[in-house]
Amino acid sequence: HSMRDDWSGALAVVESSIARKAIDKATGNRQRGVLKTGIA
């Protein structure tokens, strides 16, 4: 998703990964921050 500038799709993957406990919250927040910076 990131390679295609599909920021909403990338954020959805991060949210899903946090909800499914595939990544911890700190990692998820970092990824959210990186994606939001790309959006900005």
PDB file of all heavy atoms in Angstrom:
ATOM      1  N   HIS A   1       0.832  -1.217   0.000  1.00  0.00           N
ATOM      2  CA  HIS A   1       0.000   0.000   0.000  1.00  0.00           C
ATOM      3  C   HIS A   1       0.863   1.262   0.000  1.00  0.00           C
ATOM      4  O   HIS A   1       0.552   2.233  -0.694  1.00  0.00           O
ATOM      5  CB  HIS A   1      -0.938   0.012   1.210  1.00  0.00           C
ATOM      6  CG  HIS A   1      -2.031  -1.000   1.131  1.00  0.00           C
ATOM      7  ND1 HIS A   1      -3.041  -0.948   0.204  1.00  0.00           N
ATOM      8  CD2 HIS A   1      -2.264  -2.118   1.864  1.00  0.00           C
ATOM      9  CE1 HIS A   1      -3.860  -1.969   0.367  1.00  0.00           C
ATOM     10  NE2 HIS A   1      -3.406  -2.701   1.368  1.00  0.00           N
ATOM     11  N   SER A   2       1.940   1.246   0.758  1.00  0.00           N
ATOM     12  CA  SER A   2       2.804   2.421   0.845  1.00  0.00           C
ATOM     13  C   SER A   2       3.472   2.738  -0.488  1.00  0.00           C
ATOM     14  O   SER A   2       3.590   3.906  -0.868  1.00  0.00           O
ATOM     15  CB  SER A   2       3.877   2.218   1.922  1.00  0.00           C
ATOM     16  OG  SER A   2       3.276   2.079   3.178  1.00  0.00           O
ATOM     17  N   MET A   3       3.902   1.717  -1.200  1.00  0.00           N
ATOM     18  CA  MET A   3       4.550   1.941  -2.506  1.00  0.00           C
ATOM     19  C   MET A   3       3.590   2.576  -3.504  1.00  0.00           C
ATOM     20  O   MET A   3       4.022   3.221  -4.457  1.00  0.00           O
ATOM     21  CB  MET A   3       5.095   0.626  -3.066  1.00  0.00           C
ATOM     22  CG  MET A   3       6.324   0.145  -2.339  1.00  0.00           C
ATOM     23  SD  MET A   3       7.146  -1.342  -2.993  1.00  0.00           S
ATOM     24  CE  MET A   3       5.991  -2.149  -4.021  1.00  0.00           C
ATOM     25  N   ARG A   4       2.312   2.402  -3.289  1.00  0.00           N
ATOM     26  CA  ARG A   4       1.310   2.954  -4.201  1.00  0.00           C
ATOM     27  C   ARG A   4       0.676   4.236  -3.658  1.00  0.00           C
ATOM     28  O   ARG A   4      -0.318   4.705  -4.181  1.00  0.00           O
ATOM     29  CB  ARG A   4       0.243   1.902  -4.471  1.00  0.00           C
ATOM     30  CG  ARG A   4       0.738   0.833  -5.410  1.00  0.00           C
ATOM     31  CD  ARG A   4      -0.017  -0.466  -5.296  1.00  0.00           C
ATOM     32  NE  ARG A   4       0.529  -1.484  -6.170  1.00  0.00           N
ATOM     33  CZ  ARG A   4       1.687  -2.103  -5.981  1.00  0.00           C
ATOM     34  NH1 ARG A   4       2.427  -1.798  -4.936  1.00  0.00           N
ATOM     35  NH2 ARG A   4       2.134  -3.014  -6.822  1.00  0.00           N
ATOM     36  N   ASP A   5       1.262   4.760  -2.588  1.00  0.00           N
ATOM     37  CA  ASP A   5       0.714   5.956  -1.923  1.00  0.00           C
ATOM     38  C   ASP A   5      -0.734   5.757  -1.512  1.00  0.00           C
ATOM     39  O   ASP A   5      -1.515   6.713  -1.456  1.00  0.00           O
ATOM     40  CB  ASP A   5       0.842   7.208  -2.804  1.00  0.00           C
ATOM     41  CG  ASP A   5       2.288   7.628  -2.996  1.00  0.00           C
ATOM     42  OD1 ASP A   5       3.148   7.232  -2.181  1.00  0.00           O
ATOM     43  OD2 ASP A   5       2.563   8.366  -3.965  1.00  0.00           O
ATOM     44  N   ASP A   6      -1.102   4.535  -1.221  1.00  0.00           N
ATOM     45  CA  ASP A   6      -2.436   4.202  -0.718  1.00  0.00           C
ATOM     46  C   ASP A   6      -2.376   4.274   0.800  1.00  0.00           C
ATOM     47  O   ASP A   6      -2.296   3.270   1.496  1.00  0.00           O
ATOM     48  CB  ASP A   6      -2.851   2.806  -1.190  1.00  0.00           C
ATOM     49  CG  ASP A   6      -4.197   2.368  -0.628  1.00  0.00           C
ATOM     50  OD1 ASP A   6      -4.891   3.197   0.001  1.00  0.00           O
ATOM     51  OD2 ASP A   6      -4.547   1.191  -0.805  1.00  0.00           O
ATOM     52  N   TRP A   7      -2.393   5.503   1.306  1.00  0.00           N
ATOM     53  CA  TRP A   7      -2.189   5.726   2.737  1.00  0.00           C
ATOM     54  C   TRP A   7      -3.328   5.158   3.563  1.00  0.00           C
ATOM     55  O   TRP A   7      -3.098   4.623   4.644  1.00  0.00           O
ATOM     56  CB  TRP A   7      -2.001   7.219   3.014  1.00  0.00           C
ATOM     57  CG  TRP A   7      -0.894   7.815   2.217  1.00  0.00           C
ATOM     58  CD1 TRP A   7      -0.998   8.788   1.262  1.00  0.00           C
ATOM     59  CD2 TRP A   7       0.502   7.475   2.264  1.00  0.00           C
ATOM     60  NE1 TRP A   7       0.236   9.069   0.729  1.00  0.00           N
ATOM     61  CE2 TRP A   7       1.170   8.280   1.329  1.00  0.00           C
ATOM     62  CE3 TRP A   7       1.247   6.562   3.008  1.00  0.00           C
ATOM     63  CZ2 TRP A   7       2.538   8.213   1.119  1.00  0.00           C
ATOM     64  CZ3 TRP A   7       2.615   6.489   2.801  1.00  0.00           C
ATOM     65  CH2 TRP A   7       3.246   7.309   1.867  1.00  0.00           C
ATOM     66  N   SER A   8      -4.560   5.263   3.081  1.00  0.00           N
ATOM     67  CA  SER A   8      -5.680   4.728   3.861  1.00  0.00           C
ATOM     68  C   SER A   8      -5.596   3.205   3.946  1.00  0.00           C
ATOM     69  O   SER A   8      -5.882   2.618   4.994  1.00  0.00           O
ATOM     70  CB  SER A   8      -7.022   5.178   3.287  1.00  0.00           C
ATOM     71  OG  SER A   8      -7.167   4.718   1.963  1.00  0.00           O
ATOM     72  N   GLY A   9      -5.203   2.554   2.859  1.00  0.00           N
ATOM     73  CA  GLY A   9      -5.018   1.109   2.883  1.00  0.00           C
ATOM     74  C   GLY A   9      -3.904   0.699   3.826  1.00  0.00           C
ATOM     75  O   GLY A   9      -4.021  -0.283   4.581  1.00  0.00           O
ATOM     76  N   ALA A  10      -2.811   1.456   3.824  1.00  0.00           N
ATOM     77  CA  ALA A  10      -1.684   1.161   4.712  1.00  0.00           C
ATOM     78  C   ALA A  10      -2.092   1.356   6.174  1.00  0.00           C
ATOM     79  O   ALA A  10      -1.756   0.528   7.031  1.00  0.00           O
ATOM     80  CB  ALA A  10      -0.497   2.051   4.362  1.00  0.00           C
ATOM     81  N   LEU A  11      -2.827   2.431   6.453  1.00  0.00           N
ATOM     82  CA  LEU A  11      -3.291   2.655   7.827  1.00  0.00           C
ATOM     83  C   LEU A  11      -4.243   1.545   8.269  1.00  0.00           C
ATOM     84  O   LEU A  11      -4.199   1.117   9.428  1.00  0.00           O
ATOM     85  CB  LEU A  11      -3.972   4.023   7.958  1.00  0.00           C
ATOM     86  CG  LEU A  11      -3.038   5.215   8.085  1.00  0.00           C
ATOM     87  CD1 LEU A  11      -3.808   6.521   7.935  1.00  0.00           C
ATOM     88  CD2 LEU A  11      -2.292   5.188   9.403  1.00  0.00           C
ATOM     89  N   ALA A  12      -5.076   1.071   7.355  1.00  0.00           N
ATOM     90  CA  ALA A  12      -6.001  -0.027   7.689  1.00  0.00           C
ATOM     91  C   ALA A  12      -5.232  -1.291   8.053  1.00  0.00           C
ATOM     92  O   ALA A  12      -5.610  -2.012   8.989  1.00  0.00           O
ATOM     93  CB  ALA A  12      -6.952  -0.294   6.529  1.00  0.00           C
ATOM     94  N   VAL A  13      -4.141  -1.555   7.348  1.00  0.00           N
ATOM     95  CA  VAL A  13      -3.317  -2.724   7.664  1.00  0.00           C
ATOM     96  C   VAL A  13      -2.705  -2.573   9.060  1.00  0.00           C
ATOM     97  O   VAL A  13      -2.701  -3.523   9.853  1.00  0.00           O
ATOM     98  CB  VAL A  13      -2.209  -2.933   6.606  1.00  0.00           C
ATOM     99  CG1 VAL A  13      -1.200  -3.976   7.065  1.00  0.00           C
ATOM    100  CG2 VAL A  13      -2.822  -3.335   5.271  1.00  0.00           C
ATOM    101  N   VAL A  14      -2.217  -1.383   9.374  1.00  0.00           N
ATOM    102  CA  VAL A  14      -1.620  -1.151  10.701  1.00  0.00           C
ATOM    103  C   VAL A  14      -2.676  -1.330  11.784  1.00  0.00           C
ATOM    104  O   VAL A  14      -2.430  -2.008  12.795  1.00  0.00           O
ATOM    105  CB  VAL A  14      -0.967   0.251  10.792  1.00  0.00           C
ATOM    106  CG1 VAL A  14      -0.541   0.557  12.219  1.00  0.00           C
ATOM    107  CG2 VAL A  14       0.219   0.339   9.855  1.00  0.00           C
ATOM    108  N   GLU A  15      -3.858  -0.751  11.578  1.00  0.00           N
ATOM    109  CA  GLU A  15      -4.929  -0.880  12.563  1.00  0.00           C
ATOM    110  C   GLU A  15      -5.308  -2.350  12.763  1.00  0.00           C
ATOM    111  O   GLU A  15      -5.492  -2.811  13.890  1.00  0.00           O
ATOM    112  CB  GLU A  15      -6.164  -0.076  12.134  1.00  0.00           C
ATOM    113  CG  GLU A  15      -5.954   1.420  12.040  1.00  0.00           C
ATOM    114  CD  GLU A  15      -5.541   2.076  13.343  1.00  0.00           C
ATOM    115  OE1 GLU A  15      -5.873   1.563  14.432  1.00  0.00           O
ATOM    116  OE2 GLU A  15      -4.854   3.105  13.277  1.00  0.00           O
ATOM    117  N   SER A  16      -5.404  -3.070  11.668  1.00  0.00           N
ATOM    118  CA  SER A  16      -5.735  -4.488  11.739  1.00  0.00           C
ATOM    119  C   SER A  16      -4.629  -5.270  12.452  1.00  0.00           C
ATOM    120  O   SER A  16      -4.911  -6.158  13.258  1.00  0.00           O
ATOM    121  CB  SER A  16      -5.945  -5.037  10.328  1.00  0.00           C
ATOM    122  OG  SER A  16      -6.094  -6.423  10.352  1.00  0.00           O
ATOM    123  N   SER A  17      -3.387  -4.939  12.177  1.00  0.00           N
ATOM    124  CA  SER A  17      -2.263  -5.633  12.817  1.00  0.00           C
ATOM    125  C   SER A  17      -2.263  -5.407  14.322  1.00  0.00           C
ATOM    126  O   SER A  17      -1.961  -6.324  15.089  1.00  0.00           O
ATOM    127  CB  SER A  17      -0.937  -5.162  12.217  1.00  0.00           C
ATOM    128  OG  SER A  17      -0.828  -5.567  10.873  1.00  0.00           O
ATOM    129  N   ILE A  18      -2.608  -4.206  14.745  1.00  0.00           N
ATOM    130  CA  ILE A  18      -2.682  -3.912  16.185  1.00  0.00           C
ATOM    131  C   ILE A  18      -3.845  -4.695  16.796  1.00  0.00           C
ATOM    132  O   ILE A  18      -3.684  -5.343  17.831  1.00  0.00           O
ATOM    133  CB  ILE A  18      -2.847  -2.402  16.432  1.00  0.00           C
ATOM    134  CG1 ILE A  18      -1.587  -1.649  16.008  1.00  0.00           C
ATOM    135  CG2 ILE A  18      -3.150  -2.134  17.908  1.00  0.00           C
ATOM    136  CD1 ILE A  18      -1.756  -0.132  15.975  1.00  0.00           C
ATOM    137  N   ALA A  19      -5.005  -4.640  16.145  1.00  0.00           N
ATOM    138  CA  ALA A  19      -6.192  -5.319  16.670  1.00  0.00           C
ATOM    139  C   ALA A  19      -5.984  -6.823  16.755  1.00  0.00           C
ATOM    140  O   ALA A  19      -6.449  -7.464  17.703  1.00  0.00           O
ATOM    141  CB  ALA A  19      -7.412  -5.003  15.802  1.00  0.00           C
ATOM    142  N   ARG A  20      -5.269  -7.380  15.799  1.00  0.00           N
ATOM    143  CA  ARG A  20      -5.045  -8.822  15.770  1.00  0.00           C
ATOM    144  C   ARG A  20      -3.799  -9.227  16.560  1.00  0.00           C
ATOM    145  O   ARG A  20      -3.422 -10.389  16.559  1.00  0.00           O
ATOM    146  CB  ARG A  20      -4.923  -9.284  14.320  1.00  0.00           C
ATOM    147  CG  ARG A  20      -6.204  -9.043  13.528  1.00  0.00           C
ATOM    148  CD  ARG A  20      -6.019  -9.318  12.068  1.00  0.00           C
ATOM    149  NE  ARG A  20      -6.020 -10.769  11.842  1.00  0.00           N
ATOM    150  CZ  ARG A  20      -5.760 -11.313  10.681  1.00  0.00           C
ATOM    151  NH1 ARG A  20      -5.478 -10.561   9.633  1.00  0.00           N
ATOM    152  NH2 ARG A  20      -5.782 -12.622  10.548  1.00  0.00           N
ATOM    153  N   LYS A  21      -3.165  -8.231  17.196  1.00  0.00           N
ATOM    154  CA  LYS A  21      -1.962  -8.452  18.013  1.00  0.00           C
ATOM    155  C   LYS A  21      -0.791  -9.018  17.218  1.00  0.00           C
ATOM    156  O   LYS A  21       0.045  -9.742  17.750  1.00  0.00           O
ATOM    157  CB  LYS A  21      -2.280  -9.305  19.227  1.00  0.00           C
ATOM    158  CG  LYS A  21      -3.380  -8.702  20.093  1.00  0.00           C
ATOM    159  CD  LYS A  21      -3.279  -9.151  21.506  1.00  0.00           C
ATOM    160  CE  LYS A  21      -4.408  -8.677  22.375  1.00  0.00           C
ATOM    161  NZ  LYS A  21      -4.787  -7.333  22.382  1.00  0.00           N
ATOM    162  N   ALA A  22      -0.736  -8.672  15.930  1.00  0.00           N
ATOM    163  CA  ALA A  22       0.408  -9.061  15.102  1.00  0.00           C
ATOM    164  C   ALA A  22       1.591  -8.157  15.389  1.00  0.00           C
ATOM    165  O   ALA A  22       2.739  -8.543  15.200  1.00  0.00           O
ATOM    166  CB  ALA A  22       0.045  -8.998  13.627  1.00  0.00           C
ATOM    167  N   ILE A  23       1.293  -6.925  15.839  1.00  0.00           N
ATOM    168  CA  ILE A  23       2.332  -5.987  16.271  1.00  0.00           C
ATOM    169  C   ILE A  23       1.881  -5.356  17.576  1.00  0.00           C
ATOM    170  O   ILE A  23       0.688  -5.281  17.862  1.00  0.00           O
ATOM    171  CB  ILE A  23       2.624  -4.891  15.211  1.00  0.00           C
ATOM    172  CG1 ILE A  23       1.359  -4.084  14.874  1.00  0.00           C
ATOM    173  CG2 ILE A  23       3.242  -5.482  13.967  1.00  0.00           C
ATOM    174  CD1 ILE A  23       1.605  -2.894  13.966  1.00  0.00           C
ATOM    175  N   ASP A  24       2.848  -4.899  18.364  1.00  0.00           N
ATOM    176  CA  ASP A  24       2.483  -4.258  19.628  1.00  0.00           C
ATOM    177  C   ASP A  24       2.072  -2.813  19.375  1.00  0.00           C
ATOM    178  O   ASP A  24       2.281  -2.269  18.292  1.00  0.00           O
ATOM    179  CB  ASP A  24       3.653  -4.336  20.625  1.00  0.00           C
ATOM    180  CG  ASP A  24       4.894  -3.639  20.109  1.00  0.00           C
ATOM    181  OD1 ASP A  24       4.931  -2.399  20.119  1.00  0.00           O
ATOM    182  OD2 ASP A  24       5.835  -4.354  19.697  1.00  0.00           O
ATOM    183  N   LYS A  25       1.474  -2.213  20.369  1.00  0.00           N
ATOM    184  CA  LYS A  25       0.924  -0.866  20.218  1.00  0.00           C
ATOM    185  C   LYS A  25       2.006   0.168  19.903  1.00  0.00           C
ATOM    186  O   LYS A  25       1.796   1.067  19.090  1.00  0.00           O
ATOM    187  CB  LYS A  25       0.155  -0.469  21.472  1.00  0.00           C
ATOM    188  CG  LYS A  25      -0.627   0.801  21.286  1.00  0.00           C
ATOM    189  CD  LYS A  25      -1.615   1.033  22.388  1.00  0.00           C
ATOM    190  CE  LYS A  25      -2.360   2.313  22.078  1.00  0.00           C
ATOM    191  NZ  LYS A  25      -3.666   2.358  22.634  1.00  0.00           N
ATOM    192  N   ALA A  26       3.181   0.041  20.534  1.00  0.00           N
ATOM    193  CA  ALA A  26       4.260   1.000  20.280  1.00  0.00           C
ATOM    194  C   ALA A  26       4.702   0.936  18.810  1.00  0.00           C
ATOM    195  O   ALA A  26       4.887   1.975  18.164  1.00  0.00           O
ATOM    196  CB  ALA A  26       5.435   0.730  21.206  1.00  0.00           C
ATOM    197  N   THR A  27       4.850  -0.264  18.298  1.00  0.00           N
ATOM    198  CA  THR A  27       5.223  -0.424  16.884  1.00  0.00           C
ATOM    199  C   THR A  27       4.118   0.116  15.993  1.00  0.00           C
ATOM    200  O   THR A  27       4.390   0.795  14.996  1.00  0.00           O
ATOM    201  CB  THR A  27       5.487  -1.915  16.566  1.00  0.00           C
ATOM    202  OG1 THR A  27       6.541  -2.373  17.413  1.00  0.00           O
ATOM    203  CG2 THR A  27       5.863  -2.120  15.116  1.00  0.00           C
ATOM    204  N   GLY A  28       2.879  -0.163  16.352  1.00  0.00           N
ATOM    205  CA  GLY A  28       1.745   0.345  15.586  1.00  0.00           C
ATOM    206  C   GLY A  28       1.701   1.864  15.572  1.00  0.00           C
ATOM    207  O   GLY A  28       1.452   2.477  14.523  1.00  0.00           O
ATOM    208  N   ASN A  29       1.944   2.481  16.721  1.00  0.00           N
ATOM    209  CA  ASN A  29       1.958   3.948  16.776  1.00  0.00           C
ATOM    210  C   ASN A  29       3.080   4.522  15.921  1.00  0.00           C
ATOM    211  O   ASN A  29       2.898   5.527  15.241  1.00  0.00           O
ATOM    212  CB  ASN A  29       2.080   4.435  18.217  1.00  0.00           C
ATOM    213  CG  ASN A  29       0.765   4.345  18.949  1.00  0.00           C
ATOM    214  OD1 ASN A  29      -0.301   4.244  18.345  1.00  0.00           O
ATOM    215  ND2 ASN A  29       0.825   4.361  20.266  1.00  0.00           N
ATOM    216  N   ARG A  30       4.237   3.882  15.953  1.00  0.00           N
ATOM    217  CA  ARG A  30       5.357   4.328  15.123  1.00  0.00           C
ATOM    218  C   ARG A  30       4.971   4.234  13.650  1.00  0.00           C
ATOM    219  O   ARG A  30       5.198   5.162  12.880  1.00  0.00           O
ATOM    220  CB  ARG A  30       6.591   3.474  15.422  1.00  0.00           C
ATOM    221  CG  ARG A  30       7.771   3.749  14.541  1.00  0.00           C
ATOM    222  CD  ARG A  30       8.512   4.936  15.015  1.00  0.00           C
ATOM    223  NE  ARG A  30       9.668   5.166  14.158  1.00  0.00           N
ATOM    224  CZ  ARG A  30      10.314   6.263  14.147  1.00  0.00           C
ATOM    225  NH1 ARG A  30       9.995   7.241  14.965  1.00  0.00           N
ATOM    226  NH2 ARG A  30      11.338   6.440  13.352  1.00  0.00           N
ATOM    227  N   GLN A  31       4.381   3.113  13.260  1.00  0.00           N
ATOM    228  CA  GLN A  31       3.973   2.955  11.862  1.00  0.00           C
ATOM    229  C   GLN A  31       2.892   3.958  11.484  1.00  0.00           C
ATOM    230  O   GLN A  31       2.914   4.524  10.386  1.00  0.00           O
ATOM    231  CB  GLN A  31       3.506   1.520  11.604  1.00  0.00           C
ATOM    232  CG  GLN A  31       4.635   0.523  11.624  1.00  0.00           C
ATOM    233  CD  GLN A  31       4.187  -0.907  11.408  1.00  0.00           C
ATOM    234  OE1 GLN A  31       2.994  -1.227  11.426  1.00  0.00           O
ATOM    235  NE2 GLN A  31       5.149  -1.788  11.209  1.00  0.00           N
ATOM    236  N   ARG A  32       1.954   4.191  12.379  1.00  0.00           N
ATOM    237  CA  ARG A  32       0.923   5.220  12.121  1.00  0.00           C
ATOM    238  C   ARG A  32       1.577   6.578  11.911  1.00  0.00           C
ATOM    239  O   ARG A  32       1.195   7.338  11.021  1.00  0.00           O
ATOM    240  CB  ARG A  32      -0.035   5.323  13.303  1.00  0.00           C
ATOM    241  CG  ARG A  32      -1.080   4.280  13.397  1.00  0.00           C
ATOM    242  CD  ARG A  32      -1.987   4.643  14.581  1.00  0.00           C
ATOM    243  NE  ARG A  32      -2.883   3.594  14.944  1.00  0.00           N
ATOM    244  CZ  ARG A  32      -3.042   3.139  16.175  1.00  0.00           C
ATOM    245  NH1 ARG A  32      -2.348   3.640  17.177  1.00  0.00           N
ATOM    246  NH2 ARG A  32      -3.891   2.186  16.421  1.00  0.00           N
ATOM    247  N   GLY A  33       2.527   6.900  12.790  1.00  0.00           N
ATOM    248  CA  GLY A  33       3.223   8.189  12.677  1.00  0.00           C
ATOM    249  C   GLY A  33       3.947   8.337  11.351  1.00  0.00           C
ATOM    250  O   GLY A  33       3.889   9.392  10.712  1.00  0.00           O
ATOM    251  N   VAL A  34       4.632   7.286  10.928  1.00  0.00           N
ATOM    252  CA  VAL A  34       5.346   7.322   9.654  1.00  0.00           C
ATOM    253  C   VAL A  34       4.364   7.517   8.504  1.00  0.00           C
ATOM    254  O   VAL A  34       4.588   8.344   7.606  1.00  0.00           O
ATOM    255  CB  VAL A  34       6.182   6.033   9.462  1.00  0.00           C
ATOM    256  CG1 VAL A  34       6.707   5.923   8.039  1.00  0.00           C
ATOM    257  CG2 VAL A  34       7.329   5.991  10.464  1.00  0.00           C
ATOM    258  N   LEU A  35       3.270   6.777   8.528  1.00  0.00           N
ATOM    259  CA  LEU A  35       2.275   6.900   7.460  1.00  0.00           C
ATOM    260  C   LEU A  35       1.626   8.280   7.453  1.00  0.00           C
ATOM    261  O   LEU A  35       1.427   8.876   6.391  1.00  0.00           O
ATOM    262  CB  LEU A  35       1.216   5.808   7.595  1.00  0.00           C
ATOM    263  CG  LEU A  35       1.715   4.393   7.308  1.00  0.00           C
ATOM    264  CD1 LEU A  35       0.672   3.363   7.720  1.00  0.00           C
ATOM    265  CD2 LEU A  35       2.092   4.239   5.840  1.00  0.00           C
ATOM    266  N   LYS A  36       1.311   8.785   8.627  1.00  0.00           N
ATOM    267  CA  LYS A  36       0.696  10.115   8.692  1.00  0.00           C
ATOM    268  C   LYS A  36       1.671  11.192   8.218  1.00  0.00           C
ATOM    269  O   LYS A  36       1.266  12.176   7.603  1.00  0.00           O
ATOM    270  CB  LYS A  36       0.177  10.401  10.095  1.00  0.00           C
ATOM    271  CG  LYS A  36      -1.102   9.619  10.387  1.00  0.00           C
ATOM    272  CD  LYS A  36      -1.686   9.966  11.725  1.00  0.00           C
ATOM    273  CE  LYS A  36      -2.938   9.180  11.979  1.00  0.00           C
ATOM    274  NZ  LYS A  36      -4.130   9.780  11.410  1.00  0.00           N
ATOM    275  N   THR A  37       2.960  10.995   8.476  1.00  0.00           N
ATOM    276  CA  THR A  37       3.949  11.932   7.958  1.00  0.00           C
ATOM    277  C   THR A  37       3.957  11.889   6.434  1.00  0.00           C
ATOM    278  O   THR A  37       4.005  12.936   5.779  1.00  0.00           O
ATOM    279  CB  THR A  37       5.348  11.610   8.513  1.00  0.00           C
ATOM    280  OG1 THR A  37       5.318  11.710   9.936  1.00  0.00           O
ATOM    281  CG2 THR A  37       6.394  12.566   7.966  1.00  0.00           C
ATOM    282  N   GLY A  38       3.887  10.699   5.870  1.00  0.00           N
ATOM    283  CA  GLY A  38       3.799  10.575   4.414  1.00  0.00           C
ATOM    284  C   GLY A  38       2.570  11.262   3.857  1.00  0.00           C
ATOM    285  O   GLY A  38       2.633  11.938   2.824  1.00  0.00           O
ATOM    286  N   ILE A  39       1.456  11.097   4.549  1.00  0.00           N
ATOM    287  CA  ILE A  39       0.214  11.770   4.120  1.00  0.00           C
ATOM    288  C   ILE A  39       0.398  13.277   4.177  1.00  0.00           C
ATOM    289  O   ILE A  39       0.049  13.991   3.233  1.00  0.00           O
ATOM    290  CB  ILE A  39      -0.971  11.331   5.004  1.00  0.00           C
ATOM    291  CG1 ILE A  39      -1.276   9.850   4.794  1.00  0.00           C
ATOM    292  CG2 ILE A  39      -2.205  12.186   4.725  1.00  0.00           C
ATOM    293  CD1 ILE A  39      -2.236   9.262   5.826  1.00  0.00           C
ATOM    294  N   ALA A  40       0.948  13.766   5.280  1.00  0.00           N
ATOM    295  CA  ALA A  40       1.151  15.213   5.443  1.00  0.00           C
ATOM    296  C   ALA A  40       2.063  15.759   4.348  1.00  0.00           C
ATOM    297  O   ALA A  40       1.795  16.819   3.772  1.00  0.00           O
ATOM    298  CB  ALA A  40       1.726  15.514   6.824  1.00  0.00           C
TER     299      ALA A  40
END
